Amino acid sequence: DWAEKEGERTGNTVRLENYLTQTDI
């Protein structure tokens, strides 16, 4: 869901700016 909303996609590869800590996730 995060990748769909904010991901930068190249082919099937998706890059996300990570602003969440592991505790947040």
mmCIF file of all heavy atoms, coordinates in Angstrom:
data_MODEL
# 
_entry.id   MODEL 
# 
loop_
_atom_site.group_PDB 
_atom_site.id 
_atom_site.type_symbol 
_atom_site.label_atom_id 
_atom_site.label_alt_id 
_atom_site.label_comp_id 
_atom_site.label_asym_id 
_atom_site.label_entity_id 
_atom_site.label_seq_id 
_atom_site.pdbx_PDB_ins_code 
_atom_site.Cartn_x 
_atom_site.Cartn_y 
_atom_site.Cartn_z 
_atom_site.occupancy 
_atom_site.B_iso_or_equiv 
_atom_site.pdbx_formal_charge 
_atom_site.auth_seq_id 
_atom_site.auth_comp_id 
_atom_site.auth_asym_id 
_atom_site.auth_atom_id 
_atom_site.pdbx_PDB_model_num 
ATOM 1   N N   . ASP A 1 1  ? 0.836  -1.203 0.000   1.00 0.00 ? 1  ASP A N   1 
ATOM 2   C CA  . ASP A 1 1  ? 0.000  0.000  0.000   1.00 0.00 ? 1  ASP A CA  1 
ATOM 3   C C   . ASP A 1 1  ? 0.871  1.253  0.000   1.00 0.00 ? 1  ASP A C   1 
ATOM 4   O O   . ASP A 1 1  ? 0.603  2.216  -0.734  1.00 0.00 ? 1  ASP A O   1 
ATOM 5   C CB  . ASP A 1 1  ? -0.905 -0.017 1.237   1.00 0.00 ? 1  ASP A CB  1 
ATOM 6   C CG  . ASP A 1 1  ? -1.844 1.177  1.277   1.00 0.00 ? 1  ASP A CG  1 
ATOM 7   O OD1 . ASP A 1 1  ? -2.650 1.328  0.346   1.00 0.00 ? 1  ASP A OD1 1 
ATOM 8   O OD2 . ASP A 1 1  ? -1.764 1.972  2.237   1.00 0.00 ? 1  ASP A OD2 1 
ATOM 9   N N   . TRP A 1 2  ? 1.924  1.243  0.794   1.00 0.00 ? 2  TRP A N   1 
ATOM 10  C CA  . TRP A 1 2  ? 2.864  2.367  0.858   1.00 0.00 ? 2  TRP A CA  1 
ATOM 11  C C   . TRP A 1 2  ? 3.543  2.566  -0.491  1.00 0.00 ? 2  TRP A C   1 
ATOM 12  O O   . TRP A 1 2  ? 3.653  3.692  -0.994  1.00 0.00 ? 2  TRP A O   1 
ATOM 13  C CB  . TRP A 1 2  ? 3.882  2.081  1.953   1.00 0.00 ? 2  TRP A CB  1 
ATOM 14  C CG  . TRP A 1 2  ? 4.789  3.211  2.320   1.00 0.00 ? 2  TRP A CG  1 
ATOM 15  C CD1 . TRP A 1 2  ? 4.737  4.510  1.866   1.00 0.00 ? 2  TRP A CD1 1 
ATOM 16  C CD2 . TRP A 1 2  ? 5.887  3.158  3.232   1.00 0.00 ? 2  TRP A CD2 1 
ATOM 17  N NE1 . TRP A 1 2  ? 5.743  5.256  2.440   1.00 0.00 ? 2  TRP A NE1 1 
ATOM 18  C CE2 . TRP A 1 2  ? 6.467  4.456  3.277   1.00 0.00 ? 2  TRP A CE2 1 
ATOM 19  C CE3 . TRP A 1 2  ? 6.443  2.152  4.010   1.00 0.00 ? 2  TRP A CE3 1 
ATOM 20  C CZ2 . TRP A 1 2  ? 7.577  4.755  4.075   1.00 0.00 ? 2  TRP A CZ2 1 
ATOM 21  C CZ3 . TRP A 1 2  ? 7.539  2.452  4.807   1.00 0.00 ? 2  TRP A CZ3 1 
ATOM 22  C CH2 . TRP A 1 2  ? 8.098  3.726  4.838   1.00 0.00 ? 2  TRP A CH2 1 
ATOM 23  N N   . ALA A 1 3  ? 3.958  1.458  -1.097  1.00 0.00 ? 3  ALA A N   1 
ATOM 24  C CA  . ALA A 1 3  ? 4.620  1.532  -2.415  1.00 0.00 ? 3  ALA A CA  1 
ATOM 25  C C   . ALA A 1 3  ? 3.679  2.087  -3.474  1.00 0.00 ? 3  ALA A C   1 
ATOM 26  O O   . ALA A 1 3  ? 4.079  2.888  -4.325  1.00 0.00 ? 3  ALA A O   1 
ATOM 27  C CB  . ALA A 1 3  ? 5.115  0.145  -2.814  1.00 0.00 ? 3  ALA A CB  1 
ATOM 28  N N   . GLU A 1 4  ? 2.419  1.689  -3.411  1.00 0.00 ? 4  GLU A N   1 
ATOM 29  C CA  . GLU A 1 4  ? 1.438  2.156  -4.399  1.00 0.00 ? 4  GLU A CA  1 
ATOM 30  C C   . GLU A 1 4  ? 1.199  3.657  -4.271  1.00 0.00 ? 4  GLU A C   1 
ATOM 31  O O   . GLU A 1 4  ? 1.056  4.365  -5.269  1.00 0.00 ? 4  GLU A O   1 
ATOM 32  C CB  . GLU A 1 4  ? 0.124  1.400  -4.217  1.00 0.00 ? 4  GLU A CB  1 
ATOM 33  C CG  . GLU A 1 4  ? -0.950 1.781  -5.220  1.00 0.00 ? 4  GLU A CG  1 
ATOM 34  C CD  . GLU A 1 4  ? -2.243 1.008  -5.022  1.00 0.00 ? 4  GLU A CD  1 
ATOM 35  O OE1 . GLU A 1 4  ? -2.195 -0.098 -4.459  1.00 0.00 ? 4  GLU A OE1 1 
ATOM 36  O OE2 . GLU A 1 4  ? -3.300 1.524  -5.440  1.00 0.00 ? 4  GLU A OE2 1 
ATOM 37  N N   . LYS A 1 5  ? 1.170  4.150  -3.041  1.00 0.00 ? 5  LYS A N   1 
ATOM 38  C CA  . LYS A 1 5  ? 0.861  5.560  -2.809  1.00 0.00 ? 5  LYS A CA  1 
ATOM 39  C C   . LYS A 1 5  ? 2.054  6.477  -3.039  1.00 0.00 ? 5  LYS A C   1 
ATOM 40  O O   . LYS A 1 5  ? 1.906  7.585  -3.558  1.00 0.00 ? 5  LYS A O   1 
ATOM 41  C CB  . LYS A 1 5  ? 0.344  5.752  -1.378  1.00 0.00 ? 5  LYS A CB  1 
ATOM 42  C CG  . LYS A 1 5  ? -1.036 5.154  -1.134  1.00 0.00 ? 5  LYS A CG  1 
ATOM 43  C CD  . LYS A 1 5  ? -1.463 5.372  0.305   1.00 0.00 ? 5  LYS A CD  1 
ATOM 44  C CE  . LYS A 1 5  ? -2.861 4.813  0.558   1.00 0.00 ? 5  LYS A CE  1 
ATOM 45  N NZ  . LYS A 1 5  ? -3.246 4.972  1.992   1.00 0.00 ? 5  LYS A NZ  1 
ATOM 46  N N   . GLU A 1 6  ? 3.253  6.032  -2.645  1.00 0.00 ? 6  GLU A N   1 
ATOM 47  C CA  . GLU A 1 6  ? 4.383  6.954  -2.636  1.00 0.00 ? 6  GLU A CA  1 
ATOM 48  C C   . GLU A 1 6  ? 5.630  6.436  -3.334  1.00 0.00 ? 6  GLU A C   1 
ATOM 49  O O   . GLU A 1 6  ? 6.609  7.173  -3.457  1.00 0.00 ? 6  GLU A O   1 
ATOM 50  C CB  . GLU A 1 6  ? 4.760  7.302  -1.183  1.00 0.00 ? 6  GLU A CB  1 
ATOM 51  C CG  . GLU A 1 6  ? 3.685  8.054  -0.428  1.00 0.00 ? 6  GLU A CG  1 
ATOM 52  C CD  . GLU A 1 6  ? 4.209  8.597  0.893   1.00 0.00 ? 6  GLU A CD  1 
ATOM 53  O OE1 . GLU A 1 6  ? 5.414  8.531  1.159   1.00 0.00 ? 6  GLU A OE1 1 
ATOM 54  O OE2 . GLU A 1 6  ? 3.388  9.102  1.667   1.00 0.00 ? 6  GLU A OE2 1 
ATOM 55  N N   . GLY A 1 7  ? 5.610  5.189  -3.773  1.00 0.00 ? 7  GLY A N   1 
ATOM 56  C CA  . GLY A 1 7  ? 6.819  4.603  -4.327  1.00 0.00 ? 7  GLY A CA  1 
ATOM 57  C C   . GLY A 1 7  ? 7.232  5.169  -5.673  1.00 0.00 ? 7  GLY A C   1 
ATOM 58  O O   . GLY A 1 7  ? 6.397  5.554  -6.490  1.00 0.00 ? 7  GLY A O   1 
ATOM 59  N N   . GLU A 1 8  ? 8.534  5.223  -5.891  1.00 0.00 ? 8  GLU A N   1 
ATOM 60  C CA  . GLU A 1 8  ? 9.091  5.576  -7.191  1.00 0.00 ? 8  GLU A CA  1 
ATOM 61  C C   . GLU A 1 8  ? 9.417  4.268  -7.911  1.00 0.00 ? 8  GLU A C   1 
ATOM 62  O O   . GLU A 1 8  ? 10.335 3.542  -7.530  1.00 0.00 ? 8  GLU A O   1 
ATOM 63  C CB  . GLU A 1 8  ? 10.362 6.413  -6.996  1.00 0.00 ? 8  GLU A CB  1 
ATOM 64  C CG  . GLU A 1 8  ? 11.042 6.831  -8.285  1.00 0.00 ? 8  GLU A CG  1 
ATOM 65  C CD  . GLU A 1 8  ? 12.336 7.581  -8.024  1.00 0.00 ? 8  GLU A CD  1 
ATOM 66  O OE1 . GLU A 1 8  ? 12.405 8.319  -7.034  1.00 0.00 ? 8  GLU A OE1 1 
ATOM 67  O OE2 . GLU A 1 8  ? 13.280 7.397  -8.823  1.00 0.00 ? 8  GLU A OE2 1 
ATOM 68  N N   . ARG A 1 9  ? 8.643  3.965  -8.939  1.00 0.00 ? 9  ARG A N   1 
ATOM 69  C CA  . ARG A 1 9  ? 8.713  2.638  -9.559  1.00 0.00 ? 9  ARG A CA  1 
ATOM 70  C C   . ARG A 1 9  ? 9.502  2.651  -10.862 1.00 0.00 ? 9  ARG A C   1 
ATOM 71  O O   . ARG A 1 9  ? 9.312  3.523  -11.712 1.00 0.00 ? 9  ARG A O   1 
ATOM 72  C CB  . ARG A 1 9  ? 7.296  2.105  -9.802  1.00 0.00 ? 9  ARG A CB  1 
ATOM 73  C CG  . ARG A 1 9  ? 7.249  0.684  -10.339 1.00 0.00 ? 9  ARG A CG  1 
ATOM 74  C CD  . ARG A 1 9  ? 5.885  0.074  -10.156 1.00 0.00 ? 9  ARG A CD  1 
ATOM 75  N NE  . ARG A 1 9  ? 5.817  -1.283 -10.694 1.00 0.00 ? 9  ARG A NE  1 
ATOM 76  C CZ  . ARG A 1 9  ? 4.866  -2.157 -10.425 1.00 0.00 ? 9  ARG A CZ  1 
ATOM 77  N NH1 . ARG A 1 9  ? 3.883  -1.813 -9.600  1.00 0.00 ? 9  ARG A NH1 1 
ATOM 78  N NH2 . ARG A 1 9  ? 4.874  -3.364 -10.944 1.00 0.00 ? 9  ARG A NH2 1 
ATOM 79  N N   . THR A 1 10 ? 10.385 1.659  -10.991 1.00 0.00 ? 10 THR A N   1 
ATOM 80  C CA  . THR A 1 10 ? 11.123 1.403  -12.223 1.00 0.00 ? 10 THR A CA  1 
ATOM 81  C C   . THR A 1 10 ? 10.968 -0.073 -12.539 1.00 0.00 ? 10 THR A C   1 
ATOM 82  O O   . THR A 1 10 ? 11.593 -0.918 -11.885 1.00 0.00 ? 10 THR A O   1 
ATOM 83  C CB  . THR A 1 10 ? 12.616 1.758  -12.081 1.00 0.00 ? 10 THR A CB  1 
ATOM 84  O OG1 . THR A 1 10 ? 12.747 3.114  -11.635 1.00 0.00 ? 10 THR A OG1 1 
ATOM 85  C CG2 . THR A 1 10 ? 13.332 1.590  -13.412 1.00 0.00 ? 10 THR A CG2 1 
ATOM 86  N N   . GLY A 1 11 ? 10.120 -0.379 -13.517 1.00 0.00 ? 11 GLY A N   1 
ATOM 87  C CA  . GLY A 1 11 ? 9.789  -1.781 -13.748 1.00 0.00 ? 11 GLY A CA  1 
ATOM 88  C C   . GLY A 1 11 ? 9.046  -2.313 -12.537 1.00 0.00 ? 11 GLY A C   1 
ATOM 89  O O   . GLY A 1 11 ? 8.059  -1.729 -12.099 1.00 0.00 ? 11 GLY A O   1 
ATOM 90  N N   . ASN A 1 12 ? 9.527  -3.411 -11.967 1.00 0.00 ? 12 ASN A N   1 
ATOM 91  C CA  . ASN A 1 12 ? 8.914  -3.965 -10.762 1.00 0.00 ? 12 ASN A CA  1 
ATOM 92  C C   . ASN A 1 12 ? 9.636  -3.521 -9.485  1.00 0.00 ? 12 ASN A C   1 
ATOM 93  O O   . ASN A 1 12 ? 9.243  -3.892 -8.385  1.00 0.00 ? 12 ASN A O   1 
ATOM 94  C CB  . ASN A 1 12 ? 8.893  -5.497 -10.823 1.00 0.00 ? 12 ASN A CB  1 
ATOM 95  C CG  . ASN A 1 12 ? 7.877  -6.013 -11.832 1.00 0.00 ? 12 ASN A CG  1 
ATOM 96  O OD1 . ASN A 1 12 ? 6.854  -5.368 -12.067 1.00 0.00 ? 12 ASN A OD1 1 
ATOM 97  N ND2 . ASN A 1 12 ? 8.151  -7.158 -12.428 1.00 0.00 ? 12 ASN A ND2 1 
ATOM 98  N N   . THR A 1 13 ? 10.707 -2.739 -9.646  1.00 0.00 ? 13 THR A N   1 
ATOM 99  C CA  . THR A 1 13 ? 11.451 -2.248 -8.494  1.00 0.00 ? 13 THR A CA  1 
ATOM 100 C C   . THR A 1 13 ? 10.825 -0.950 -7.985  1.00 0.00 ? 13 THR A C   1 
ATOM 101 O O   . THR A 1 13 ? 10.503 -0.067 -8.772  1.00 0.00 ? 13 THR A O   1 
ATOM 102 C CB  . THR A 1 13 ? 12.929 -1.990 -8.858  1.00 0.00 ? 13 THR A CB  1 
ATOM 103 O OG1 . THR A 1 13 ? 13.522 -3.208 -9.308  1.00 0.00 ? 13 THR A OG1 1 
ATOM 104 C CG2 . THR A 1 13 ? 13.699 -1.469 -7.660  1.00 0.00 ? 13 THR A CG2 1 
ATOM 105 N N   . VAL A 1 14 ? 10.651 -0.882 -6.657  1.00 0.00 ? 14 VAL A N   1 
ATOM 106 C CA  . VAL A 1 14 ? 10.031 0.300  -6.058  1.00 0.00 ? 14 VAL A CA  1 
ATOM 107 C C   . VAL A 1 14 ? 10.954 0.856  -4.974  1.00 0.00 ? 14 VAL A C   1 
ATOM 108 O O   . VAL A 1 14 ? 11.432 0.115  -4.112  1.00 0.00 ? 14 VAL A O   1 
ATOM 109 C CB  . VAL A 1 14 ? 8.658  -0.024 -5.442  1.00 0.00 ? 14 VAL A CB  1 
ATOM 110 C CG1 . VAL A 1 14 ? 8.057  1.227  -4.804  1.00 0.00 ? 14 VAL A CG1 1 
ATOM 111 C CG2 . VAL A 1 14 ? 7.716  -0.589 -6.492  1.00 0.00 ? 14 VAL A CG2 1 
ATOM 112 N N   . ARG A 1 15 ? 11.183 2.155  -5.044  1.00 0.00 ? 15 ARG A N   1 
ATOM 113 C CA  . ARG A 1 15 ? 12.019 2.838  -4.051  1.00 0.00 ? 15 ARG A CA  1 
ATOM 114 C C   . ARG A 1 15 ? 11.137 3.763  -3.225  1.00 0.00 ? 15 ARG A C   1 
ATOM 115 O O   . ARG A 1 15 ? 10.361 4.551  -3.763  1.00 0.00 ? 15 ARG A O   1 
ATOM 116 C CB  . ARG A 1 15 ? 13.104 3.634  -4.764  1.00 0.00 ? 15 ARG A CB  1 
ATOM 117 C CG  . ARG A 1 15 ? 14.156 4.256  -3.842  1.00 0.00 ? 15 ARG A CG  1 
ATOM 118 C CD  . ARG A 1 15 ? 15.190 5.024  -4.661  1.00 0.00 ? 15 ARG A CD  1 
ATOM 119 N NE  . ARG A 1 15 ? 15.806 4.139  -5.651  1.00 0.00 ? 15 ARG A NE  1 
ATOM 120 C CZ  . ARG A 1 15 ? 16.867 3.374  -5.400  1.00 0.00 ? 15 ARG A CZ  1 
ATOM 121 N NH1 . ARG A 1 15 ? 17.417 3.388  -4.202  1.00 0.00 ? 15 ARG A NH1 1 
ATOM 122 N NH2 . ARG A 1 15 ? 17.377 2.608  -6.353  1.00 0.00 ? 15 ARG A NH2 1 
ATOM 123 N N   . LEU A 1 16 ? 11.252 3.670  -1.895  1.00 0.00 ? 16 LEU A N   1 
ATOM 124 C CA  . LEU A 1 16 ? 10.474 4.484  -0.970  1.00 0.00 ? 16 LEU A CA  1 
ATOM 125 C C   . LEU A 1 16 ? 11.388 5.320  -0.091  1.00 0.00 ? 16 LEU A C   1 
ATOM 126 O O   . LEU A 1 16 ? 12.378 4.802  0.444   1.00 0.00 ? 16 LEU A O   1 
ATOM 127 C CB  . LEU A 1 16 ? 9.623  3.590  -0.058  1.00 0.00 ? 16 LEU A CB  1 
ATOM 128 C CG  . LEU A 1 16 ? 8.393  2.918  -0.659  1.00 0.00 ? 16 LEU A CG  1 
ATOM 129 C CD1 . LEU A 1 16 ? 7.984  1.729  0.201   1.00 0.00 ? 16 LEU A CD1 1 
ATOM 130 C CD2 . LEU A 1 16 ? 7.240  3.899  -0.773  1.00 0.00 ? 16 LEU A CD2 1 
ATOM 131 N N   . GLU A 1 17 ? 11.078 6.587  0.056   1.00 0.00 ? 17 GLU A N   1 
ATOM 132 C CA  . GLU A 1 17 ? 11.758 7.383  1.075   1.00 0.00 ? 17 GLU A CA  1 
ATOM 133 C C   . GLU A 1 17 ? 11.274 6.884  2.430   1.00 0.00 ? 17 GLU A C   1 
ATOM 134 O O   . GLU A 1 17 ? 10.065 6.836  2.697   1.00 0.00 ? 17 GLU A O   1 
ATOM 135 C CB  . GLU A 1 17 ? 11.406 8.867  0.914   1.00 0.00 ? 17 GLU A CB  1 
ATOM 136 C CG  . GLU A 1 17 ? 12.032 9.755  1.972   1.00 0.00 ? 17 GLU A CG  1 
ATOM 137 C CD  . GLU A 1 17 ? 11.518 11.176 1.934   1.00 0.00 ? 17 GLU A CD  1 
ATOM 138 O OE1 . GLU A 1 17 ? 10.792 11.521 0.990   1.00 0.00 ? 17 GLU A OE1 1 
ATOM 139 O OE2 . GLU A 1 17 ? 11.848 11.931 2.867   1.00 0.00 ? 17 GLU A OE2 1 
ATOM 140 N N   . ASN A 1 18 ? 12.188 6.497  3.292   1.00 0.00 ? 18 ASN A N   1 
ATOM 141 C CA  . ASN A 1 18 ? 11.803 5.898  4.568   1.00 0.00 ? 18 ASN A CA  1 
ATOM 142 C C   . ASN A 1 18 ? 11.779 6.944  5.675   1.00 0.00 ? 18 ASN A C   1 
ATOM 143 O O   . ASN A 1 18 ? 12.820 7.377  6.158   1.00 0.00 ? 18 ASN A O   1 
ATOM 144 C CB  . ASN A 1 18 ? 12.769 4.767  4.943   1.00 0.00 ? 18 ASN A CB  1 
ATOM 145 C CG  . ASN A 1 18 ? 12.304 4.035  6.195   1.00 0.00 ? 18 ASN A CG  1 
ATOM 146 O OD1 . ASN A 1 18 ? 11.145 4.110  6.569   1.00 0.00 ? 18 ASN A OD1 1 
ATOM 147 N ND2 . ASN A 1 18 ? 13.222 3.338  6.841   1.00 0.00 ? 18 ASN A ND2 1 
ATOM 148 N N   . TYR A 1 19 ? 10.585 7.348  6.092   1.00 0.00 ? 19 TYR A N   1 
ATOM 149 C CA  . TYR A 1 19 ? 10.442 8.303  7.180   1.00 0.00 ? 19 TYR A CA  1 
ATOM 150 C C   . TYR A 1 19 ? 9.858  7.635  8.425   1.00 0.00 ? 19 TYR A C   1 
ATOM 151 O O   . TYR A 1 19 ? 9.503  8.306  9.399   1.00 0.00 ? 19 TYR A O   1 
ATOM 152 C CB  . TYR A 1 19 ? 9.557  9.481  6.753   1.00 0.00 ? 19 TYR A CB  1 
ATOM 153 C CG  . TYR A 1 19 ? 8.264  9.084  6.080   1.00 0.00 ? 19 TYR A CG  1 
ATOM 154 C CD1 . TYR A 1 19 ? 7.168  8.672  6.830   1.00 0.00 ? 19 TYR A CD1 1 
ATOM 155 C CD2 . TYR A 1 19 ? 8.138  9.116  4.693   1.00 0.00 ? 19 TYR A CD2 1 
ATOM 156 C CE1 . TYR A 1 19 ? 5.973  8.312  6.216   1.00 0.00 ? 19 TYR A CE1 1 
ATOM 157 C CE2 . TYR A 1 19 ? 6.953  8.759  4.075   1.00 0.00 ? 19 TYR A CE2 1 
ATOM 158 C CZ  . TYR A 1 19 ? 5.879  8.354  4.838   1.00 0.00 ? 19 TYR A CZ  1 
ATOM 159 O OH  . TYR A 1 19 ? 4.698  7.983  4.228   1.00 0.00 ? 19 TYR A OH  1 
ATOM 160 N N   . LEU A 1 20 ? 9.758  6.289  8.400   1.00 0.00 ? 20 LEU A N   1 
ATOM 161 C CA  . LEU A 1 20 ? 9.215  5.545  9.532   1.00 0.00 ? 20 LEU A CA  1 
ATOM 162 C C   . LEU A 1 20 ? 10.304 4.731  10.219  1.00 0.00 ? 20 LEU A C   1 
ATOM 163 O O   . LEU A 1 20 ? 11.135 4.109  9.560   1.00 0.00 ? 20 LEU A O   1 
ATOM 164 C CB  . LEU A 1 20 ? 8.106  4.596  9.068   1.00 0.00 ? 20 LEU A CB  1 
ATOM 165 C CG  . LEU A 1 20 ? 6.867  5.229  8.439   1.00 0.00 ? 20 LEU A CG  1 
ATOM 166 C CD1 . LEU A 1 20 ? 5.918  4.141  7.941   1.00 0.00 ? 20 LEU A CD1 1 
ATOM 167 C CD2 . LEU A 1 20 ? 6.149  6.124  9.442   1.00 0.00 ? 20 LEU A CD2 1 
ATOM 168 N N   . THR A 1 21 ? 10.285 4.711  11.538  1.00 0.00 ? 21 THR A N   1 
ATOM 169 C CA  . THR A 1 21 ? 11.172 3.828  12.277  1.00 0.00 ? 21 THR A CA  1 
ATOM 170 C C   . THR A 1 21 ? 10.574 2.424  12.303  1.00 0.00 ? 21 THR A C   1 
ATOM 171 O O   . THR A 1 21 ? 9.397  2.222  11.955  1.00 0.00 ? 21 THR A O   1 
ATOM 172 C CB  . THR A 1 21 ? 11.348 4.307  13.729  1.00 0.00 ? 21 THR A CB  1 
ATOM 173 O OG1 . THR A 1 21 ? 10.082 4.202  14.410  1.00 0.00 ? 21 THR A OG1 1 
ATOM 174 C CG2 . THR A 1 21 ? 11.818 5.756  13.772  1.00 0.00 ? 21 THR A CG2 1 
ATOM 175 N N   . GLN A 1 22 ? 11.360 1.456  12.718  1.00 0.00 ? 22 GLN A N   1 
ATOM 176 C CA  . GLN A 1 22 ? 10.832 0.096  12.838  1.00 0.00 ? 22 GLN A CA  1 
ATOM 177 C C   . GLN A 1 22 ? 9.736  0.035  13.899  1.00 0.00 ? 22 GLN A C   1 
ATOM 178 O O   . GLN A 1 22 ? 8.788  -0.746 13.764  1.00 0.00 ? 22 GLN A O   1 
ATOM 179 C CB  . GLN A 1 22 ? 11.965 -0.881 13.159  1.00 0.00 ? 22 GLN A CB  1 
ATOM 180 C CG  . GLN A 1 22 ? 12.929 -1.066 11.994  1.00 0.00 ? 22 GLN A CG  1 
ATOM 181 C CD  . GLN A 1 22 ? 13.979 -2.124 12.253  1.00 0.00 ? 22 GLN A CD  1 
ATOM 182 O OE1 . GLN A 1 22 ? 14.070 -2.691 13.332  1.00 0.00 ? 22 GLN A OE1 1 
ATOM 183 N NE2 . GLN A 1 22 ? 14.796 -2.390 11.244  1.00 0.00 ? 22 GLN A NE2 1 
ATOM 184 N N   . THR A 1 23 ? 9.839  0.879  14.917  1.00 0.00 ? 23 THR A N   1 
ATOM 185 C CA  . THR A 1 23 ? 8.775  0.949  15.922  1.00 0.00 ? 23 THR A CA  1 
ATOM 186 C C   . THR A 1 23 ? 7.487  1.481  15.303  1.00 0.00 ? 23 THR A C   1 
ATOM 187 O O   . THR A 1 23 ? 6.385  0.986  15.581  1.00 0.00 ? 23 THR A O   1 
ATOM 188 C CB  . THR A 1 23 ? 9.197  1.854  17.100  1.00 0.00 ? 23 THR A CB  1 
ATOM 189 O OG1 . THR A 1 23 ? 10.368 1.305  17.711  1.00 0.00 ? 23 THR A OG1 1 
ATOM 190 C CG2 . THR A 1 23 ? 8.093  1.958  18.134  1.00 0.00 ? 23 THR A CG2 1 
ATOM 191 N N   . ASP A 1 24 ? 7.606  2.506  14.430  1.00 0.00 ? 24 ASP A N   1 
ATOM 192 C CA  . ASP A 1 24 ? 6.433  3.038  13.732  1.00 0.00 ? 24 ASP A CA  1 
ATOM 193 C C   . ASP A 1 24 ? 5.761  1.937  12.899  1.00 0.00 ? 24 ASP A C   1 
ATOM 194 O O   . ASP A 1 24 ? 4.528  1.772  12.935  1.00 0.00 ? 24 ASP A O   1 
ATOM 195 C CB  . ASP A 1 24 ? 6.835  4.185  12.798  1.00 0.00 ? 24 ASP A CB  1 
ATOM 196 C CG  . ASP A 1 24 ? 7.267  5.434  13.550  1.00 0.00 ? 24 ASP A CG  1 
ATOM 197 O OD1 . ASP A 1 24 ? 6.875  5.597  14.720  1.00 0.00 ? 24 ASP A OD1 1 
ATOM 198 O OD2 . ASP A 1 24 ? 8.005  6.239  12.964  1.00 0.00 ? 24 ASP A OD2 1 
ATOM 199 N N   . ILE A 1 25 ? 6.563  1.219  12.129  1.00 0.00 ? 25 ILE A N   1 
ATOM 200 C CA  . ILE A 1 25 ? 6.025  0.147  11.278  1.00 0.00 ? 25 ILE A CA  1 
ATOM 201 C C   . ILE A 1 25 ? 5.361  -0.921 12.125  1.00 0.00 ? 25 ILE A C   1 
ATOM 202 O O   . ILE A 1 25 ? 4.269  -1.423 11.789  1.00 0.00 ? 25 ILE A O   1 
ATOM 203 C CB  . ILE A 1 25 ? 7.139  -0.453 10.398  1.00 0.00 ? 25 ILE A CB  1 
ATOM 204 C CG1 . ILE A 1 25 ? 7.630  0.582  9.382   1.00 0.00 ? 25 ILE A CG1 1 
ATOM 205 C CG2 . ILE A 1 25 ? 6.653  -1.709 9.674   1.00 0.00 ? 25 ILE A CG2 1 
ATOM 206 C CD1 . ILE A 1 25 ? 8.835  0.149  8.568   1.00 0.00 ? 25 ILE A CD1 1 
# 
